[in-house]
Amino acid sequence: MAPPLIQAPAGFVPEFAVSFGPRSGESRPVDVASGAIGPFTPDPGRPIWVTLAGTWSGTVSVLRSTDGGATRRPLTLAGGAWGIFTANAQEAVGEETVAGATWWLDFQRTSGILAYEVAQ
């Protein structure tokens, strides 16, 4: 099967990919349907806010790591699941006390567009 023709005004299509990573480090591609977004390294002693927006379906879970992201564990509160979202939200999900701990968002999007922010 022949590839589709590319019409004027351009004679080419630039290739690009969405990725996430620190400015000084290596980028990793972001899957459009699922994946992990991070790391976010919070300042100790301040609330960590997660904002989710858009028209989307799926699940977003907040994860935490104390070993540089090699092991990411979901948040719990009194032994129960915490920081799991299935709809838009804007709320404080925790406060870090361990220097160097990193936070992540793990998303399994089944449809729509998800916008996110993790901030302090």
Protein backbone atom coordinates (compact mmCIF):
# COMPACT_ATOMS: atom_id res chain seq x y z
CA MET A 1 0.00 0.00 0.00
CA ALA A 2 1.39 3.39 -0.98
CA PRO A 3 1.82 6.02 1.74
CA PRO A 4 -0.65 8.94 1.64
CA LEU A 5 0.35 11.97 -0.38
CA ILE A 6 1.40 15.09 1.47
CA GLN A 7 -0.09 18.19 -0.09
CA ALA A 8 1.08 21.83 -0.16
CA PRO A 9 1.78 24.08 1.60
CA ALA A 10 4.37 21.74 3.12
CA GLY A 11 6.28 18.99 1.39
CA PHE A 12 7.02 17.21 4.65
CA VAL A 13 5.50 16.25 7.98
CA PRO A 14 7.74 16.81 10.99
CA GLU A 15 7.93 13.91 13.41
CA PHE A 16 7.46 14.63 17.09
CA ALA A 17 6.56 12.82 20.28
CA VAL A 18 5.22 13.88 23.65
CA SER A 19 7.72 13.21 26.41
CA PHE A 20 8.31 14.05 30.06
CA GLY A 21 11.52 14.49 31.94
CA PRO A 22 13.70 16.93 33.86
CA ARG A 23 15.20 19.79 31.86
CA SER A 24 18.71 18.54 32.50
CA GLY A 25 17.97 14.84 32.03
CA GLU A 26 16.66 12.26 29.66
CA SER A 27 13.07 12.47 28.39
CA ARG A 28 10.70 9.53 28.38
CA PRO A 29 7.74 9.21 26.01
CA VAL A 30 4.23 9.62 27.41
CA ASP A 31 1.70 7.06 26.23
CA VAL A 32 -1.54 8.72 25.19
CA ALA A 33 -3.69 6.23 27.11
CA SER A 34 -1.65 5.22 30.14
CA GLY A 35 1.59 5.78 31.92
CA ALA A 36 3.39 7.40 34.79
CA ILE A 37 4.04 11.12 34.96
CA GLY A 38 6.84 12.28 37.20
CA PRO A 39 8.90 12.65 39.17
CA PHE A 40 7.69 15.61 41.16
CA THR A 41 10.09 16.35 44.03
CA PRO A 42 8.19 18.36 46.62
CA ASP A 43 9.59 20.71 49.22
CA PRO A 44 9.20 19.09 52.66
CA GLY A 45 6.49 20.46 54.95
CA ARG A 46 4.15 21.92 52.32
CA PRO A 47 0.89 20.48 50.95
CA ILE A 48 1.05 18.77 47.55
CA TRP A 49 -1.87 19.68 45.28
CA VAL A 50 -3.18 17.61 42.39
CA THR A 51 -5.41 19.22 39.78
CA LEU A 52 -7.14 17.10 37.13
CA ALA A 53 -9.24 18.69 34.41
CA GLY A 54 -10.76 17.94 31.03
CA THR A 55 -13.33 15.59 29.60
CA TRP A 56 -11.87 12.16 30.28
CA SER A 57 -12.66 8.70 31.60
CA GLY A 58 -10.27 6.44 33.46
CA THR A 59 -8.31 6.37 36.70
CA VAL A 60 -5.49 8.54 38.04
CA SER A 61 -3.55 7.34 41.08
CA VAL A 62 -1.00 9.31 43.09
CA LEU A 63 2.18 7.33 43.78
CA ARG A 64 5.17 8.01 46.06
CA SER A 65 8.75 6.77 45.93
CA THR A 66 11.69 7.00 48.31
CA ASP A 67 14.22 5.24 46.05
CA GLY A 68 14.40 7.57 43.06
CA GLY A 69 11.33 6.13 41.35
CA ALA A 70 12.48 2.50 41.15
CA THR A 71 9.61 1.53 43.48
CA ARG A 72 6.41 3.58 43.31
CA ARG A 73 3.72 2.84 45.85
CA PRO A 74 0.12 4.09 45.97
CA LEU A 75 -0.94 6.36 48.79
CA THR A 76 -3.00 4.96 51.64
CA LEU A 77 -4.87 6.49 54.56
CA ALA A 78 -5.64 4.31 57.58
CA GLY A 79 -4.85 1.27 55.42
CA GLY A 80 -7.29 2.22 52.66
CA ALA A 81 -6.64 3.51 49.16
CA TRP A 82 -6.04 7.27 48.95
CA GLY A 83 -5.30 9.62 46.06
CA ILE A 84 -7.24 7.68 43.40
CA PHE A 85 -9.37 9.77 41.06
CA THR A 86 -11.97 8.96 38.42
CA ALA A 87 -13.14 12.54 37.84
CA ASN A 88 -11.79 16.08 37.76
CA ALA A 89 -10.38 17.24 41.08
CA GLN A 90 -8.33 19.91 42.79
CA GLU A 91 -7.16 18.94 46.23
CA ALA A 92 -4.24 18.50 48.56
CA VAL A 93 -3.22 14.83 48.58
CA GLY A 94 -0.40 14.86 51.10
CA GLU A 95 2.57 16.61 52.66
CA GLU A 96 6.10 15.26 52.30
CA THR A 97 8.45 14.90 55.26
CA VAL A 98 11.25 12.87 53.66
CA ALA A 99 13.84 14.88 51.73
CA GLY A 100 14.31 13.49 48.21
CA ALA A 101 11.03 11.55 48.06
CA THR A 102 9.34 11.78 44.66
CA TRP A 103 5.68 11.79 43.69
CA TRP A 104 4.11 10.50 40.48
CA LEU A 105 0.75 10.31 38.73
CA ASP A 106 -0.17 6.95 37.23
CA PHE A 107 -2.99 7.22 34.71
CA GLN A 108 -5.12 4.71 32.86
CA ARG A 109 -7.19 6.87 30.51
CA THR A 110 -9.89 5.12 28.53
CA SER A 111 -11.15 8.17 26.61
CA GLY A 112 -11.05 11.95 26.35
CA ILE A 113 -8.40 14.51 27.16
CA LEU A 114 -6.83 14.72 30.62
CA ALA A 115 -5.05 17.86 31.81
CA TYR A 116 -3.08 17.62 35.07
CA GLU A 117 -0.94 19.61 37.46
CA VAL A 118 1.03 18.61 40.54
CA ALA A 119 2.11 21.65 42.52
CA GLN A 120 2.86 23.17 45.90
